[in-house]
Amino acid sequence: MKGHDLDLFCVPRHYENDLDKVIIPHGLIMDRTERLARDIIRDMGEHHIVALCVLKGGYKFFADLLDYIKALNQNSDKSVPLTVDFIRVKSYCNDKSTNSVKVIGGDELSNLSGKVSPQMFDIVETGRTMQTLLSLLSECNPKMVKVVSLLVKRTPRSSGYRPDYIGFEVPDAFLVGYALDYNEYFRDLSHICILNDQAKEKYKV
């Protein structure tokens, strides 16, 4: 995945000098998300689903995926009862993993007991964050847990973990946009892009 030149897309002016390439355009994200919604309905159509959004980076993917699932519920013969919940995870400072996973909101997940819970995740890198969350969720005795990740990064640091549903595989670069951030910046960028080194210094904390 080599990416596309920035001048082919609409990018906010305040970010034009901060990005190297557009890796996944917004329209392609939406098309792939629609297909993931179809696959989830097909596989889980007989269960009550508790959709768990992993914040903050997963909020945009979560909202768009649920919109597609809602549309399918309204316009097809097969539909699924759906409720939502949220959990927040923090594992990064600047562009480096802290090697620790801070989970906020995990004390109110008892409603998952006996339910099917797909987790909506923005990006899986090493897989350690995901494995921490799965361990936490197992304590709530859900009937089934499925992980839906928009992105999986190809990296030698990977633990080998693979989500149940994957949107795209992406290169081992620092990505921003479509709610993926660098120190809270770039969440307002529609496309998924590679952050350049100058921007890492510019927005460093």
C-alpha atoms as a PDB file:
ATOM      1  CA  MET A   1       0.000   0.000   0.000  1.00  0.00           C
ATOM      2  CA  LYS A   2       2.071   2.921  -1.320  1.00  0.00           C
ATOM      3  CA  GLY A   3      -0.479   5.675  -0.747  1.00  0.00           C
ATOM      4  CA  HIS A   4      -1.668   8.632  -2.825  1.00  0.00           C
ATOM      5  CA  ASP A   5      -0.431  12.186  -3.288  1.00  0.00           C
ATOM      6  CA  LEU A   6      -2.102  14.736  -1.022  1.00  0.00           C
ATOM      7  CA  ASP A   7      -2.989  17.049  -3.900  1.00  0.00           C
ATOM      8  CA  LEU A   8      -5.485  14.462  -5.195  1.00  0.00           C
ATOM      9  CA  PHE A   9      -7.693  14.964  -2.117  1.00  0.00           C
ATOM     10  CA  CYS A  10      -9.318  17.628   0.029  1.00  0.00           C
ATOM     11  CA  VAL A  11      -7.136  17.989   3.125  1.00  0.00           C
ATOM     12  CA  PRO A  12      -7.555  20.759   5.749  1.00  0.00           C
ATOM     13  CA  ARG A  13      -5.021  23.528   5.103  1.00  0.00           C
ATOM     14  CA  HIS A  14      -3.720  23.400   8.650  1.00  0.00           C
ATOM     15  CA  TYR A  15      -2.551  19.807   8.063  1.00  0.00           C
ATOM     16  CA  GLU A  16      -1.150  20.097   4.524  1.00  0.00           C
ATOM     17  CA  ASN A  17       2.486  20.259   5.664  1.00  0.00           C
ATOM     18  CA  ASP A  18       2.087  17.523   8.284  1.00  0.00           C
ATOM     19  CA  LEU A  19       1.293  14.529   6.076  1.00  0.00           C
ATOM     20  CA  ASP A  20       3.282  12.352   3.677  1.00  0.00           C
ATOM     21  CA  LYS A  21       0.594  10.382   1.841  1.00  0.00           C
ATOM     22  CA  VAL A  22      -3.078   9.495   1.892  1.00  0.00           C
ATOM     23  CA  ILE A  23      -3.107   5.756   2.633  1.00  0.00           C
ATOM     24  CA  ILE A  24      -6.884   5.119   2.593  1.00  0.00           C
ATOM     25  CA  PRO A  25      -9.295   7.705   1.136  1.00  0.00           C
ATOM     26  CA  HIS A  26     -12.528   8.352   3.015  1.00  0.00           C
ATOM     27  CA  GLY A  27     -14.740   6.896   0.275  1.00  0.00           C
ATOM     28  CA  LEU A  28     -12.871   3.589   0.365  1.00  0.00           C
ATOM     29  CA  ILE A  29     -13.206   3.477   4.163  1.00  0.00           C
ATOM     30  CA  MET A  30     -16.973   3.873   3.826  1.00  0.00           C
ATOM     31  CA  ASP A  31     -17.306   1.166   1.161  1.00  0.00           C
ATOM     32  CA  ARG A  32     -15.301  -1.319   3.226  1.00  0.00           C
ATOM     33  CA  THR A  33     -17.255  -0.437   6.382  1.00  0.00           C
ATOM     34  CA  GLU A  34     -20.536  -1.134   4.576  1.00  0.00           C
ATOM     35  CA  ARG A  35     -19.282  -4.581   3.580  1.00  0.00           C
ATOM     36  CA  LEU A  36     -18.160  -5.310   7.154  1.00  0.00           C
ATOM     37  CA  ALA A  37     -21.682  -4.438   8.342  1.00  0.00           C
ATOM     38  CA  ARG A  38     -23.133  -6.956   5.883  1.00  0.00           C
ATOM     39  CA  ASP A  39     -20.733  -9.643   7.086  1.00  0.00           C
ATOM     40  CA  ILE A  40     -21.584  -8.983  10.749  1.00  0.00           C
ATOM     41  CA  ILE A  41     -25.336  -9.177  10.090  1.00  0.00           C
ATOM     42  CA  ARG A  42     -24.819 -12.422   8.168  1.00  0.00           C
ATOM     43  CA  ASP A  43     -22.756 -14.028  10.933  1.00  0.00           C
ATOM     44  CA  MET A  44     -24.582 -12.724  14.017  1.00  0.00           C
ATOM     45  CA  GLY A  45     -28.126 -12.265  12.771  1.00  0.00           C
ATOM     46  CA  GLU A  46     -29.696 -14.512  15.410  1.00  0.00           C
ATOM     47  CA  HIS A  47     -28.115 -12.887  18.461  1.00  0.00           C
ATOM     48  CA  HIS A  48     -28.656  -9.807  20.611  1.00  0.00           C
ATOM     49  CA  ILE A  49     -25.528  -7.743  19.983  1.00  0.00           C
ATOM     50  CA  VAL A  50     -23.913  -5.373  22.473  1.00  0.00           C
ATOM     51  CA  ALA A  51     -21.631  -3.265  20.275  1.00  0.00           C
ATOM     52  CA  LEU A  52     -18.669  -2.045  22.311  1.00  0.00           C
ATOM     53  CA  CYS A  53     -16.844   1.033  21.028  1.00  0.00           C
ATOM     54  CA  VAL A  54     -13.181   1.362  21.996  1.00  0.00           C
ATOM     55  CA  LEU A  55     -12.527   5.095  22.462  1.00  0.00           C
ATOM     56  CA  LYS A  56     -11.212   7.447  21.401  1.00  0.00           C
ATOM     57  CA  GLY A  57      -9.824   6.355  18.068  1.00  0.00           C
ATOM     58  CA  GLY A  58     -12.648   3.949  17.279  1.00  0.00           C
ATOM     59  CA  TYR A  59     -15.551   6.400  17.572  1.00  0.00           C
ATOM     60  CA  LYS A  60     -15.827   7.348  13.880  1.00  0.00           C
ATOM     61  CA  PHE A  61     -15.570   3.769  12.630  1.00  0.00           C
ATOM     62  CA  PHE A  62     -18.070   2.706  15.301  1.00  0.00           C
ATOM     63  CA  ALA A  63     -20.617   5.361  14.308  1.00  0.00           C
ATOM     64  CA  ASP A  64     -20.359   4.648  10.577  1.00  0.00           C
ATOM     65  CA  LEU A  65     -20.476   0.860  11.038  1.00  0.00           C
ATOM     66  CA  LEU A  66     -23.571   1.142  13.248  1.00  0.00           C
ATOM     67  CA  ASP A  67     -25.256   3.386  10.660  1.00  0.00           C
ATOM     68  CA  TYR A  68     -24.770   0.672   8.034  1.00  0.00           C
ATOM     69  CA  ILE A  69     -26.003  -2.049  10.406  1.00  0.00           C
ATOM     70  CA  LYS A  70     -29.059   0.096  11.206  1.00  0.00           C
ATOM     71  CA  ALA A  71     -29.787   0.540   7.493  1.00  0.00           C
ATOM     72  CA  LEU A  72     -29.548  -3.219   6.956  1.00  0.00           C
ATOM     73  CA  ASN A  73     -31.861  -3.804   9.932  1.00  0.00           C
ATOM     74  CA  GLN A  74     -34.466  -1.550   8.334  1.00  0.00           C
ATOM     75  CA  ASN A  75     -34.179  -2.765   4.756  1.00  0.00           C
ATOM     76  CA  SER A  76     -33.548  -6.510   4.803  1.00  0.00           C
ATOM     77  CA  ASP A  77     -35.267  -9.681   5.999  1.00  0.00           C
ATOM     78  CA  LYS A  78     -32.569 -10.386   8.576  1.00  0.00           C
ATOM     79  CA  SER A  79     -32.101  -7.977  11.495  1.00  0.00           C
ATOM     80  CA  VAL A  80     -30.326  -7.965  14.855  1.00  0.00           C
ATOM     81  CA  PRO A  81     -31.299  -6.406  18.205  1.00  0.00           C
ATOM     82  CA  LEU A  82     -28.547  -3.929  18.990  1.00  0.00           C
ATOM     83  CA  THR A  83     -27.419  -2.007  22.073  1.00  0.00           C
ATOM     84  CA  VAL A  84     -24.193  -0.046  22.533  1.00  0.00           C
ATOM     85  CA  ASP A  85     -21.575   0.573  25.201  1.00  0.00           C
ATOM     86  CA  PHE A  86     -18.226   2.357  25.404  1.00  0.00           C
ATOM     87  CA  ILE A  87     -14.797   1.747  26.859  1.00  0.00           C
ATOM     88  CA  ARG A  88     -11.716   3.953  26.662  1.00  0.00           C
ATOM     89  CA  VAL A  89      -8.176   2.692  26.158  1.00  0.00           C
ATOM     90  CA  LYS A  90      -4.929   4.665  26.305  1.00  0.00           C
ATOM     91  CA  SER A  91      -1.575   3.113  25.391  1.00  0.00           C
ATOM     92  CA  TYR A  92       0.349   5.844  23.505  1.00  0.00           C
ATOM     93  CA  CYS A  93       2.392   8.939  24.280  1.00  0.00           C
ATOM     94  CA  ASN A  94       3.489  10.865  21.200  1.00  0.00           C
ATOM     95  CA  ASP A  95       4.233   8.188  18.555  1.00  0.00           C
ATOM     96  CA  LYS A  96       5.454   5.524  21.002  1.00  0.00           C
ATOM     97  CA  SER A  97       3.597   2.795  22.836  1.00  0.00           C
ATOM     98  CA  THR A  98       3.891   3.133  26.611  1.00  0.00           C
ATOM     99  CA  ASN A  99       3.910  -0.693  26.888  1.00  0.00           C
ATOM    100  CA  SER A 100       1.041  -0.397  29.345  1.00  0.00           C
ATOM    101  CA  VAL A 101      -2.670  -0.392  28.625  1.00  0.00           C
ATOM    102  CA  LYS A 102      -4.918   1.920  30.628  1.00  0.00           C
ATOM    103  CA  VAL A 103      -8.580   0.902  30.471  1.00  0.00           C
ATOM    104  CA  ILE A 104     -11.295   3.375  31.542  1.00  0.00           C
ATOM    105  CA  GLY A 105     -14.930   2.341  31.905  1.00  0.00           C
ATOM    106  CA  GLY A 106     -14.423  -1.407  32.170  1.00  0.00           C
ATOM    107  CA  ASP A 107     -16.197  -1.590  35.539  1.00  0.00           C
ATOM    108  CA  GLU A 108     -19.654  -1.219  33.979  1.00  0.00           C
ATOM    109  CA  LEU A 109     -19.626  -4.086  31.479  1.00  0.00           C
ATOM    110  CA  SER A 110     -21.701  -6.567  33.483  1.00  0.00           C
ATOM    111  CA  ASN A 111     -24.503  -6.137  30.917  1.00  0.00           C
ATOM    112  CA  LEU A 112     -22.385  -8.208  28.503  1.00  0.00           C
ATOM    113  CA  SER A 113     -23.129 -11.388  30.448  1.00  0.00           C
ATOM    114  CA  GLY A 114     -24.693 -13.951  28.109  1.00  0.00           C
ATOM    115  CA  LYS A 115     -24.610 -11.544  25.152  1.00  0.00           C
ATOM    116  CA  VAL A 116     -22.690 -11.408  21.877  1.00  0.00           C
ATOM    117  CA  SER A 117     -20.307  -8.460  21.922  1.00  0.00           C
ATOM    118  CA  PRO A 118     -18.436  -7.289  18.840  1.00  0.00           C
ATOM    119  CA  GLN A 119     -15.728  -4.764  19.765  1.00  0.00           C
ATOM    120  CA  MET A 120     -15.201  -1.913  17.317  1.00  0.00           C
ATOM    121  CA  PHE A 121     -11.517  -1.025  17.249  1.00  0.00           C
ATOM    122  CA  ASP A 122      -9.613   1.534  15.185  1.00  0.00           C
ATOM    123  CA  ILE A 123      -6.234  -0.154  14.713  1.00  0.00           C
ATOM    124  CA  VAL A 124      -4.505  -3.328  15.902  1.00  0.00           C
ATOM    125  CA  GLU A 125      -0.718  -3.016  16.019  1.00  0.00           C
ATOM    126  CA  THR A 126       1.116  -5.403  18.364  1.00  0.00           C
ATOM    127  CA  GLY A 127      -2.165  -6.946  19.585  1.00  0.00           C
ATOM    128  CA  ARG A 128      -1.291  -6.446  23.276  1.00  0.00           C
ATOM    129  CA  THR A 129      -4.035  -3.866  23.866  1.00  0.00           C
ATOM    130  CA  MET A 130      -6.590  -6.171  22.287  1.00  0.00           C
ATOM    131  CA  GLN A 131      -5.497  -9.154  24.369  1.00  0.00           C
ATOM    132  CA  THR A 132      -5.772  -7.041  27.548  1.00  0.00           C
ATOM    133  CA  LEU A 133      -9.316  -6.063  26.612  1.00  0.00           C
ATOM    134  CA  LEU A 134     -10.331  -9.628  25.753  1.00  0.00           C
ATOM    135  CA  SER A 135      -9.075 -10.763  29.154  1.00  0.00           C
ATOM    136  CA  LEU A 136     -11.137  -8.028  30.835  1.00  0.00           C
ATOM    137  CA  LEU A 137     -14.256  -8.924  28.845  1.00  0.00           C
ATOM    138  CA  SER A 138     -13.953 -12.636  29.601  1.00  0.00           C
ATOM    139  CA  GLU A 139     -14.577 -11.801  33.269  1.00  0.00           C
ATOM    140  CA  CYS A 140     -18.052 -10.567  32.272  1.00  0.00           C
ATOM    141  CA  ASN A 141     -19.009 -13.995  30.821  1.00  0.00           C
ATOM    142  CA  PRO A 142     -20.277 -12.886  27.403  1.00  0.00           C
ATOM    143  CA  LYS A 143     -21.767 -15.565  25.157  1.00  0.00           C
ATOM    144  CA  MET A 144     -19.364 -14.620  22.382  1.00  0.00           C
ATOM    145  CA  VAL A 145     -16.858 -11.841  21.651  1.00  0.00           C
ATOM    146  CA  LYS A 146     -15.897 -10.827  18.120  1.00  0.00           C
ATOM    147  CA  VAL A 147     -13.364  -8.115  17.317  1.00  0.00           C
ATOM    148  CA  VAL A 148     -13.910  -5.762  14.389  1.00  0.00           C
ATOM    149  CA  SER A 149     -10.865  -3.634  13.565  1.00  0.00           C
ATOM    150  CA  LEU A 150     -10.738  -1.109  10.761  1.00  0.00           C
ATOM    151  CA  LEU A 151      -6.947  -1.456  10.472  1.00  0.00           C
ATOM    152  CA  VAL A 152      -4.326  -4.092  11.203  1.00  0.00           C
ATOM    153  CA  LYS A 153      -0.723  -2.944  11.023  1.00  0.00           C
ATOM    154  CA  ARG A 154       1.931  -5.161   9.430  1.00  0.00           C
ATOM    155  CA  THR A 155       4.711  -4.946  12.008  1.00  0.00           C
ATOM    156  CA  PRO A 156       7.444  -7.260  13.319  1.00  0.00           C
ATOM    157  CA  ARG A 157       6.321  -6.268  16.835  1.00  0.00           C
ATOM    158  CA  SER A 158       3.002  -8.084  16.368  1.00  0.00           C
ATOM    159  CA  SER A 159       2.056 -10.775  18.873  1.00  0.00           C
ATOM    160  CA  GLY A 160       0.340 -12.651  16.041  1.00  0.00           C
ATOM    161  CA  TYR A 161      -3.165 -11.666  17.164  1.00  0.00           C
ATOM    162  CA  ARG A 162      -5.713 -11.288  14.313  1.00  0.00           C
ATOM    163  CA  PRO A 163      -9.193  -9.736  14.731  1.00  0.00           C
ATOM    164  CA  ASP A 164     -12.286 -11.604  13.533  1.00  0.00           C
ATOM    165  CA  TYR A 165     -13.127  -8.845  11.031  1.00  0.00           C
ATOM    166  CA  ILE A 166     -10.496  -6.656   9.373  1.00  0.00           C
ATOM    167  CA  GLY A 167     -11.054  -3.595   7.207  1.00  0.00           C
ATOM    168  CA  PHE A 168      -7.540  -3.043   5.826  1.00  0.00           C
ATOM    169  CA  GLU A 169      -3.970  -4.155   6.418  1.00  0.00           C
ATOM    170  CA  VAL A 170      -1.651  -1.148   6.562  1.00  0.00           C
ATOM    171  CA  PRO A 171       2.123  -0.552   6.600  1.00  0.00           C
ATOM    172  CA  ASP A 172       4.171  -0.041   9.751  1.00  0.00           C
ATOM    173  CA  ALA A 173       3.923   3.758   9.813  1.00  0.00           C
ATOM    174  CA  PHE A 174       2.269   6.236  12.176  1.00  0.00           C
ATOM    175  CA  LEU A 175      -1.245   6.818  10.795  1.00  0.00           C
ATOM    176  CA  VAL A 176      -3.679   9.637  11.534  1.00  0.00           C
ATOM    177  CA  GLY A 177      -7.130  10.684  10.363  1.00  0.00           C
ATOM    178  CA  TYR A 178     -10.660   9.251  10.528  1.00  0.00           C
ATOM    179  CA  ALA A 179     -10.453   9.714  14.334  1.00  0.00           C
ATOM    180  CA  LEU A 180      -6.908   8.330  14.627  1.00  0.00           C
ATOM    181  CA  ASP A 181      -4.864  10.973  16.433  1.00  0.00           C
ATOM    182  CA  TYR A 182      -1.397  12.156  17.337  1.00  0.00           C
ATOM    183  CA  ASN A 183      -1.683  13.780  20.775  1.00  0.00           C
ATOM    184  CA  GLU A 184      -5.357  14.564  19.994  1.00  0.00           C
ATOM    185  CA  TYR A 185      -4.634  16.258  16.646  1.00  0.00           C
ATOM    186  CA  PHE A 186      -5.849  14.948  13.257  1.00  0.00           C
ATOM    187  CA  ARG A 187      -9.109  13.394  14.472  1.00  0.00           C
ATOM    188  CA  ASP A 188     -10.857  15.919  12.178  1.00  0.00           C
ATOM    189  CA  LEU A 189      -9.093  14.570   9.070  1.00  0.00           C
ATOM    190  CA  SER A 190     -11.397  12.490   6.832  1.00  0.00           C
ATOM    191  CA  HIS A 191      -8.772  10.296   5.139  1.00  0.00           C
ATOM    192  CA  ILE A 192      -6.274   7.970   6.805  1.00  0.00           C
ATOM    193  CA  CYS A 193      -2.779   9.385   6.191  1.00  0.00           C
ATOM    194  CA  ILE A 194       0.865   8.883   7.097  1.00  0.00           C
ATOM    195  CA  LEU A 195       2.168  11.488   9.543  1.00  0.00           C
ATOM    196  CA  ASN A 196       5.549  12.989   8.629  1.00  0.00           C
ATOM    197  CA  ASP A 197       8.497  13.413  11.006  1.00  0.00           C
ATOM    198  CA  GLN A 198       8.219  17.221  11.165  1.00  0.00           C
ATOM    199  CA  ALA A 199       4.647  16.937  12.422  1.00  0.00           C
ATOM    200  CA  LYS A 200       5.708  14.491  15.131  1.00  0.00           C
ATOM    201  CA  GLU A 201       8.018  17.189  16.494  1.00  0.00           C
ATOM    202  CA  LYS A 202       5.518  20.009  15.899  1.00  0.00           C
ATOM    203  CA  TYR A 203       2.740  18.359  17.959  1.00  0.00           C
ATOM    204  CA  LYS A 204       4.944  16.581  20.502  1.00  0.00           C
ATOM    205  CA  VAL A 205       4.021  16.867  24.197  1.00  0.00           C
END
